[in-house]
PDB file of N, CA and C in Angstrom:
ATOM      1  N   MET A   1      -3.481  11.705 -12.093  1.00  0.00           N
ATOM      2  CA  MET A   1      -4.431  11.190 -13.033  1.00  0.00           C
ATOM      3  C   MET A   1      -5.082   9.918 -12.464  1.00  0.00           C
ATOM      4  N   CYS A   2      -4.282   9.073 -11.877  1.00  0.00           N
ATOM      5  CA  CYS A   2      -4.821   7.830 -11.314  1.00  0.00           C
ATOM      6  C   CYS A   2      -5.782   8.134 -10.167  1.00  0.00           C
ATOM      7  N   GLY A   3      -5.487   9.143  -9.403  1.00  0.00           N
ATOM      8  CA  GLY A   3      -6.378   9.538  -8.311  1.00  0.00           C
ATOM      9  C   GLY A   3      -7.739   9.973  -8.821  1.00  0.00           C
ATOM     10  N   GLU A   4      -7.749  10.697  -9.922  1.00  0.00           N
ATOM     11  CA  GLU A   4      -9.012  11.137 -10.529  1.00  0.00           C
ATOM     12  C   GLU A   4      -9.810   9.959 -11.057  1.00  0.00           C
ATOM     13  N   LEU A   5      -9.132   9.020 -11.689  1.00  0.00           N
ATOM     14  CA  LEU A   5      -9.815   7.833 -12.199  1.00  0.00           C
ATOM     15  C   LEU A   5     -10.389   7.010 -11.048  1.00  0.00           C
ATOM     16  N   PHE A   6      -9.619   6.902  -9.983  1.00  0.00           N
ATOM     17  CA  PHE A   6     -10.070   6.159  -8.804  1.00  0.00           C
ATOM     18  C   PHE A   6     -11.302   6.827  -8.200  1.00  0.00           C
ATOM     19  N   ALA A   7     -11.285   8.163  -8.140  1.00  0.00           N
ATOM     20  CA  ALA A   7     -12.432   8.909  -7.606  1.00  0.00           C
ATOM     21  C   ALA A   7     -13.675   8.686  -8.460  1.00  0.00           C
ATOM     22  N   GLU A   8     -13.500   8.574  -9.768  1.00  0.00           N
ATOM     23  CA  GLU A   8     -14.628   8.275 -10.651  1.00  0.00           C
ATOM     24  C   GLU A   8     -15.236   6.920 -10.301  1.00  0.00           C
ATOM     25  N   CYS A   9     -14.392   5.947 -10.011  1.00  0.00           N
ATOM     26  CA  CYS A   9     -14.885   4.620  -9.635  1.00  0.00           C
ATOM     27  C   CYS A   9     -15.651   4.678  -8.318  1.00  0.00           C
ATOM     28  N   VAL A  10     -15.159   5.447  -7.375  1.00  0.00           N
ATOM     29  CA  VAL A  10     -15.850   5.596  -6.102  1.00  0.00           C
ATOM     30  C   VAL A  10     -17.218   6.227  -6.340  1.00  0.00           C
ATOM     31  N   ALA A  11     -17.265   7.232  -7.208  1.00  0.00           N
ATOM     32  CA  ALA A  11     -18.543   7.874  -7.524  1.00  0.00           C
ATOM     33  C   ALA A  11     -19.501   6.888  -8.180  1.00  0.00           C
ATOM     34  N   VAL A  12     -18.998   6.091  -9.104  1.00  0.00           N
ATOM     35  CA  VAL A  12     -19.842   5.078  -9.753  1.00  0.00           C
ATOM     36  C   VAL A  12     -20.353   4.088  -8.711  1.00  0.00           C
ATOM     37  N   LEU A  13     -19.490   3.694  -7.815  1.00  0.00           N
ATOM     38  CA  LEU A  13     -19.858   2.725  -6.785  1.00  0.00           C
ATOM     39  C   LEU A  13     -20.969   3.252  -5.881  1.00  0.00           C
ATOM     40  N   HIS A  14     -20.913   4.541  -5.576  1.00  0.00           N
ATOM     41  CA  HIS A  14     -21.878   5.117  -4.640  1.00  0.00           C
ATOM     42  C   HIS A  14     -23.124   5.698  -5.299  1.00  0.00           C
ATOM     43  N   TYR A  15     -23.011   6.130  -6.559  1.00  0.00           N
ATOM     44  CA  TYR A  15     -24.131   6.840  -7.172  1.00  0.00           C
ATOM     45  C   TYR A  15     -24.768   6.105  -8.338  1.00  0.00           C
ATOM     46  N   GLN A  16     -24.142   5.068  -8.846  1.00  0.00           N
ATOM     47  CA  GLN A  16     -24.709   4.281  -9.936  1.00  0.00           C
ATOM     48  C   GLN A  16     -25.144   2.939  -9.371  1.00  0.00           C
ATOM     49  N   LYS A  17     -26.380   2.777  -9.084  1.00  0.00           N
ATOM     50  CA  LYS A  17     -26.886   1.559  -8.451  1.00  0.00           C
ATOM     51  C   LYS A  17     -26.678   0.287  -9.286  1.00  0.00           C
ATOM     52  N   PRO A  18     -26.856   0.311 -10.610  1.00  0.00           N
ATOM     53  CA  PRO A  18     -26.755  -0.953 -11.335  1.00  0.00           C
ATOM     54  C   PRO A  18     -25.336  -1.509 -11.495  1.00  0.00           C
ATOM     55  N   ALA A  19     -24.326  -0.732 -11.177  1.00  0.00           N
ATOM     56  CA  ALA A  19     -22.940  -1.183 -11.362  1.00  0.00           C
ATOM     57  C   ALA A  19     -22.581  -2.241 -10.324  1.00  0.00           C
ATOM     58  N   PRO A  20     -22.221  -3.451 -10.777  1.00  0.00           N
ATOM     59  CA  PRO A  20     -21.818  -4.499  -9.830  1.00  0.00           C
ATOM     60  C   PRO A  20     -20.531  -4.111  -9.087  1.00  0.00           C
ATOM     61  N   LYS A  21     -20.533  -4.314  -7.791  1.00  0.00           N
ATOM     62  CA  LYS A  21     -19.400  -3.932  -6.946  1.00  0.00           C
ATOM     63  C   LYS A  21     -18.112  -4.605  -7.403  1.00  0.00           C
ATOM     64  N   GLU A  22     -18.188  -5.874  -7.787  1.00  0.00           N
ATOM     65  CA  GLU A  22     -16.987  -6.600  -8.223  1.00  0.00           C
ATOM     66  C   GLU A  22     -16.360  -5.963  -9.458  1.00  0.00           C
ATOM     67  N   ASP A  23     -17.191  -5.533 -10.404  1.00  0.00           N
ATOM     68  CA  ASP A  23     -16.674  -4.912 -11.624  1.00  0.00           C
ATOM     69  C   ASP A  23     -15.976  -3.595 -11.312  1.00  0.00           C
ATOM     70  N   VAL A  24     -16.586  -2.801 -10.439  1.00  0.00           N
ATOM     71  CA  VAL A  24     -15.981  -1.519 -10.053  1.00  0.00           C
ATOM     72  C   VAL A  24     -14.656  -1.772  -9.330  1.00  0.00           C
ATOM     73  N   GLU A  25     -14.634  -2.746  -8.454  1.00  0.00           N
ATOM     74  CA  GLU A  25     -13.398  -3.057  -7.715  1.00  0.00           C
ATOM     75  C   GLU A  25     -12.299  -3.543  -8.655  1.00  0.00           C
ATOM     76  N   ASN A  26     -12.657  -4.279  -9.696  1.00  0.00           N
ATOM     77  CA  ASN A  26     -11.654  -4.719 -10.673  1.00  0.00           C
ATOM     78  C   ASN A  26     -11.042  -3.537 -11.412  1.00  0.00           C
ATOM     79  N   VAL A  27     -11.863  -2.557 -11.769  1.00  0.00           N
ATOM     80  CA  VAL A  27     -11.339  -1.358 -12.433  1.00  0.00           C
ATOM     81  C   VAL A  27     -10.435  -0.593 -11.466  1.00  0.00           C
ATOM     82  N   MET A  28     -10.838  -0.513 -10.211  1.00  0.00           N
ATOM     83  CA  MET A  28     -10.016   0.178  -9.210  1.00  0.00           C
ATOM     84  C   MET A  28      -8.660  -0.519  -9.045  1.00  0.00           C
ATOM     85  N   LYS A  29      -8.669  -1.841  -9.076  1.00  0.00           N
ATOM     86  CA  LYS A  29      -7.409  -2.588  -8.997  1.00  0.00           C
ATOM     87  C   LYS A  29      -6.527  -2.286 -10.198  1.00  0.00           C
ATOM     88  N   ASN A  30      -7.130  -2.191 -11.381  1.00  0.00           N
ATOM     89  CA  ASN A  30      -6.367  -1.852 -12.587  1.00  0.00           C
ATOM     90  C   ASN A  30      -5.726  -0.474 -12.466  1.00  0.00           C
ATOM     91  N   ILE A  31      -6.447   0.466 -11.878  1.00  0.00           N
ATOM     92  CA  ILE A  31      -5.910   1.820 -11.684  1.00  0.00           C
ATOM     93  C   ILE A  31      -4.717   1.776 -10.734  1.00  0.00           C
ATOM     94  N   LEU A  32      -4.854   1.055  -9.634  1.00  0.00           N
ATOM     95  CA  LEU A  32      -3.749   0.952  -8.673  1.00  0.00           C
ATOM     96  C   LEU A  32      -2.539   0.262  -9.290  1.00  0.00           C
ATOM     97  N   MET A  33      -2.789  -0.770 -10.097  1.00  0.00           N
ATOM     98  CA  MET A  33      -1.676  -1.457 -10.763  1.00  0.00           C
ATOM     99  C   MET A  33      -0.980  -0.528 -11.755  1.00  0.00           C
ATOM    100  N   LEU A  34      -1.757   0.282 -12.480  1.00  0.00           N
ATOM    101  CA  LEU A  34      -1.166   1.258 -13.404  1.00  0.00           C
ATOM    102  C   LEU A  34      -0.282   2.239 -12.642  1.00  0.00           C
ATOM    103  N   GLN A  35      -0.797   2.782 -11.565  1.00  0.00           N
ATOM    104  CA  GLN A  35      -0.035   3.754 -10.781  1.00  0.00           C
ATOM    105  C   GLN A  35       1.247   3.128 -10.239  1.00  0.00           C
ATOM    106  N   ASN A  36       1.144   1.948  -9.659  1.00  0.00           N
ATOM    107  CA  ASN A  36       2.331   1.290  -9.098  1.00  0.00           C
ATOM    108  C   ASN A  36       3.350   0.965 -10.181  1.00  0.00           C
ATOM    109  N   ASP A  37       2.879   0.504 -11.327  1.00  0.00           N
ATOM    110  CA  ASP A  37       3.765   0.173 -12.437  1.00  0.00           C
ATOM    111  C   ASP A  37       4.528   1.412 -12.917  1.00  0.00           C
ATOM    112  N   MET A  38       3.820   2.504 -13.085  1.00  0.00           N
ATOM    113  CA  MET A  38       4.462   3.729 -13.579  1.00  0.00           C
ATOM    114  C   MET A  38       5.481   4.264 -12.569  1.00  0.00           C
ATOM    115  N   ILE A  39       5.139   4.228 -11.300  1.00  0.00           N
ATOM    116  CA  ILE A  39       6.070   4.709 -10.268  1.00  0.00           C
ATOM    117  C   ILE A  39       7.322   3.843 -10.228  1.00  0.00           C
ATOM    118  N   CYS A  40       7.142   2.530 -10.290  1.00  0.00           N
ATOM    119  CA  CYS A  40       8.301   1.625 -10.275  1.00  0.00           C
ATOM    120  C   CYS A  40       9.200   1.865 -11.476  1.00  0.00           C
ATOM    121  N   ARG A  41       8.594   2.046 -12.628  1.00  0.00           N
ATOM    122  CA  ARG A  41       9.390   2.256 -13.840  1.00  0.00           C
ATOM    123  C   ARG A  41      10.128   3.587 -13.806  1.00  0.00           C
ATOM    124  N   LEU A  42       9.524   4.602 -13.199  1.00  0.00           N
ATOM    125  CA  LEU A  42      10.192   5.895 -13.095  1.00  0.00           C
ATOM    126  C   LEU A  42      11.436   5.824 -12.217  1.00  0.00           C
ATOM    127  N   SER A  43      11.473   4.854 -11.336  1.00  0.00           N
ATOM    128  CA  SER A  43      12.609   4.700 -10.424  1.00  0.00           C
ATOM    129  C   SER A  43      13.799   4.007 -11.077  1.00  0.00           C
ATOM    130  N   HIS A  44      13.623   3.499 -12.298  1.00  0.00           N
ATOM    131  CA  HIS A  44      14.685   2.723 -12.940  1.00  0.00           C
ATOM    132  C   HIS A  44      14.910   3.158 -14.388  1.00  0.00           C
ATOM    133  N   VAL A  45      15.202   4.431 -14.575  1.00  0.00           N
ATOM    134  CA  VAL A  45      15.457   4.964 -15.913  1.00  0.00           C
ATOM    135  C   VAL A  45      16.892   4.630 -16.314  1.00  0.00           C
ATOM    136  N   GLU A  46      17.042   4.069 -17.515  1.00  0.00           N
ATOM    137  CA  GLU A  46      18.367   3.728 -18.032  1.00  0.00           C
ATOM    138  C   GLU A  46      19.119   5.007 -18.439  1.00  0.00           C
ATOM    139  N   PRO A  47      20.341   5.176 -17.979  1.00  0.00           N
ATOM    140  CA  PRO A  47      21.125   6.342 -18.396  1.00  0.00           C
ATOM    141  C   PRO A  47      21.383   6.312 -19.907  1.00  0.00           C
ATOM    142  N   GLY A  48      21.229   7.440 -20.541  1.00  0.00           N
ATOM    143  CA  GLY A  48      21.517   7.549 -21.967  1.00  0.00           C
ATOM    144  C   GLY A  48      20.326   7.317 -22.871  1.00  0.00           C
ATOM    145  N   SER A  49      19.238   6.767 -22.345  1.00  0.00           N
ATOM    146  CA  SER A  49      18.071   6.520 -23.194  1.00  0.00           C
ATOM    147  C   SER A  49      16.808   7.126 -22.580  1.00  0.00           C
ATOM    148  N   GLN A  50      16.989   8.224 -21.878  1.00  0.00           N
ATOM    149  CA  GLN A  50      15.866   8.835 -21.188  1.00  0.00           C
ATOM    150  C   GLN A  50      14.767   9.296 -22.134  1.00  0.00           C
ATOM    151  N   LYS A  51      15.135   9.899 -23.245  1.00  0.00           N
ATOM    152  CA  LYS A  51      14.140  10.437 -24.166  1.00  0.00           C
ATOM    153  C   LYS A  51      13.244   9.318 -24.715  1.00  0.00           C
ATOM    154  N   LEU A  52      13.840   8.233 -25.149  1.00  0.00           N
ATOM    155  CA  LEU A  52      13.074   7.098 -25.668  1.00  0.00           C
ATOM    156  C   LEU A  52      12.241   6.462 -24.552  1.00  0.00           C
ATOM    157  N   PHE A  53      12.825   6.326 -23.383  1.00  0.00           N
ATOM    158  CA  PHE A  53      12.131   5.744 -22.239  1.00  0.00           C
ATOM    159  C   PHE A  53      10.862   6.522 -21.906  1.00  0.00           C
ATOM    160  N   PHE A  54      10.992   7.833 -21.775  1.00  0.00           N
ATOM    161  CA  PHE A  54       9.843   8.650 -21.409  1.00  0.00           C
ATOM    162  C   PHE A  54       8.825   8.746 -22.538  1.00  0.00           C
ATOM    163  N   SER A  55       9.279   8.699 -23.757  1.00  0.00           N
ATOM    164  CA  SER A  55       8.359   8.706 -24.897  1.00  0.00           C
ATOM    165  C   SER A  55       7.494   7.449 -24.892  1.00  0.00           C
ATOM    166  N   LYS A  56       8.126   6.294 -24.701  1.00  0.00           N
ATOM    167  CA  LYS A  56       7.378   5.031 -24.643  1.00  0.00           C
ATOM    168  C   LYS A  56       6.453   4.992 -23.423  1.00  0.00           C
ATOM    169  N   MET A  57       6.951   5.498 -22.321  1.00  0.00           N
ATOM    170  CA  MET A  57       6.157   5.490 -21.099  1.00  0.00           C
ATOM    171  C   MET A  57       4.924   6.380 -21.245  1.00  0.00           C
ATOM    172  N   LYS A  58       5.089   7.533 -21.848  1.00  0.00           N
ATOM    173  CA  LYS A  58       3.966   8.442 -22.075  1.00  0.00           C
ATOM    174  C   LYS A  58       2.921   7.785 -22.978  1.00  0.00           C
ATOM    175  N   GLU A  59       3.381   7.141 -24.028  1.00  0.00           N
ATOM    176  CA  GLU A  59       2.482   6.460 -24.953  1.00  0.00           C
ATOM    177  C   GLU A  59       1.698   5.355 -24.238  1.00  0.00           C
ATOM    178  N   GLU A  60       2.389   4.568 -23.431  1.00  0.00           N
ATOM    179  CA  GLU A  60       1.723   3.496 -22.696  1.00  0.00           C
ATOM    180  C   GLU A  60       0.750   4.045 -21.661  1.00  0.00           C
ATOM    181  N   LEU A  61       1.118   5.122 -20.998  1.00  0.00           N
ATOM    182  CA  LEU A  61       0.242   5.734 -20.004  1.00  0.00           C
ATOM    183  C   LEU A  61      -1.059   6.200 -20.656  1.00  0.00           C
ATOM    184  N   ILE A  62      -0.953   6.825 -21.811  1.00  0.00           N
ATOM    185  CA  ILE A  62      -2.139   7.292 -22.532  1.00  0.00           C
ATOM    186  C   ILE A  62      -3.013   6.105 -22.944  1.00  0.00           C
ATOM    187  N   THR A  63      -2.398   5.069 -23.476  1.00  0.00           N
ATOM    188  CA  THR A  63      -3.146   3.888 -23.917  1.00  0.00           C
ATOM    189  C   THR A  63      -3.862   3.223 -22.747  1.00  0.00           C
ATOM    190  N   ARG A  64      -3.133   2.991 -21.674  1.00  0.00           N
ATOM    191  CA  ARG A  64      -3.733   2.306 -20.523  1.00  0.00           C
ATOM    192  C   ARG A  64      -4.791   3.167 -19.844  1.00  0.00           C
ATOM    193  N   THR A  65      -4.588   4.473 -19.816  1.00  0.00           N
ATOM    194  CA  THR A  65      -5.579   5.380 -19.243  1.00  0.00           C
ATOM    195  C   THR A  65      -6.855   5.356 -20.077  1.00  0.00           C
ATOM    196  N   ASP A  66      -6.711   5.375 -21.396  1.00  0.00           N
ATOM    197  CA  ASP A  66      -7.885   5.296 -22.272  1.00  0.00           C
ATOM    198  C   ASP A  66      -8.658   4.000 -22.044  1.00  0.00           C
ATOM    199  N   GLU A  67      -7.950   2.906 -21.852  1.00  0.00           N
ATOM    200  CA  GLU A  67      -8.602   1.622 -21.582  1.00  0.00           C
ATOM    201  C   GLU A  67      -9.396   1.676 -20.277  1.00  0.00           C
ATOM    202  N   ILE A  68      -8.816   2.288 -19.263  1.00  0.00           N
ATOM    203  CA  ILE A  68      -9.493   2.396 -17.971  1.00  0.00           C
ATOM    204  C   ILE A  68     -10.709   3.305 -18.075  1.00  0.00           C
ATOM    205  N   VAL A  69     -10.598   4.392 -18.812  1.00  0.00           N
ATOM    206  CA  VAL A  69     -11.741   5.290 -19.011  1.00  0.00           C
ATOM    207  C   VAL A  69     -12.883   4.527 -19.686  1.00  0.00           C
ATOM    208  N   GLU A  70     -12.565   3.715 -20.667  1.00  0.00           N
ATOM    209  CA  GLU A  70     -13.600   2.921 -21.328  1.00  0.00           C
ATOM    210  C   GLU A  70     -14.227   1.916 -20.361  1.00  0.00           C
ATOM    211  N   GLN A  71     -13.424   1.340 -19.479  1.00  0.00           N
ATOM    212  CA  GLN A  71     -13.960   0.408 -18.479  1.00  0.00           C
ATOM    213  C   GLN A  71     -14.924   1.135 -17.537  1.00  0.00           C
ATOM    214  N   ILE A  72     -14.554   2.344 -17.139  1.00  0.00           N
ATOM    215  CA  ILE A  72     -15.421   3.130 -16.248  1.00  0.00           C
ATOM    216  C   ILE A  72     -16.723   3.488 -16.960  1.00  0.00           C
ATOM    217  N   LYS A  73     -16.623   3.876 -18.229  1.00  0.00           N
ATOM    218  CA  LYS A  73     -17.817   4.196 -19.004  1.00  0.00           C
ATOM    219  C   LYS A  73     -18.757   3.004 -19.093  1.00  0.00           C
ATOM    220  N   SER A  74     -18.206   1.810 -19.226  1.00  0.00           N
ATOM    221  CA  SER A  74     -19.046   0.622 -19.354  1.00  0.00           C
ATOM    222  C   SER A  74     -19.762   0.272 -18.046  1.00  0.00           C
ATOM    223  N   LEU A  75     -19.270   0.802 -16.919  1.00  0.00           N
ATOM    224  CA  LEU A  75     -19.899   0.544 -15.634  1.00  0.00           C
ATOM    225  C   LEU A  75     -21.177   1.349 -15.460  1.00  0.00           C
ATOM    226  N   ALA A  76     -21.200   2.536 -16.037  1.00  0.00           N
ATOM    227  CA  ALA A  76     -22.344   3.444 -15.835  1.00  0.00           C
ATOM    228  C   ALA A  76     -23.521   3.105 -16.717  1.00  0.00           C
TER     229      ALA A  76
END
């Protein structure tokens, strides 16, 4: 999912002339931070609370992804 969002930013950077490069790069940084955060958290699941852990993680992933999609929309 993060790869797709990143590709959208690259497309905006190359095909949307009015989008400031700094703004696009900031969104790209947010995508990379989201990906790194999720990977790190997946490496440290607490035994016995997996269901709650993954439920919260899924909810946060959806929320943060929606925020990034809105940021990308505002660039175009």
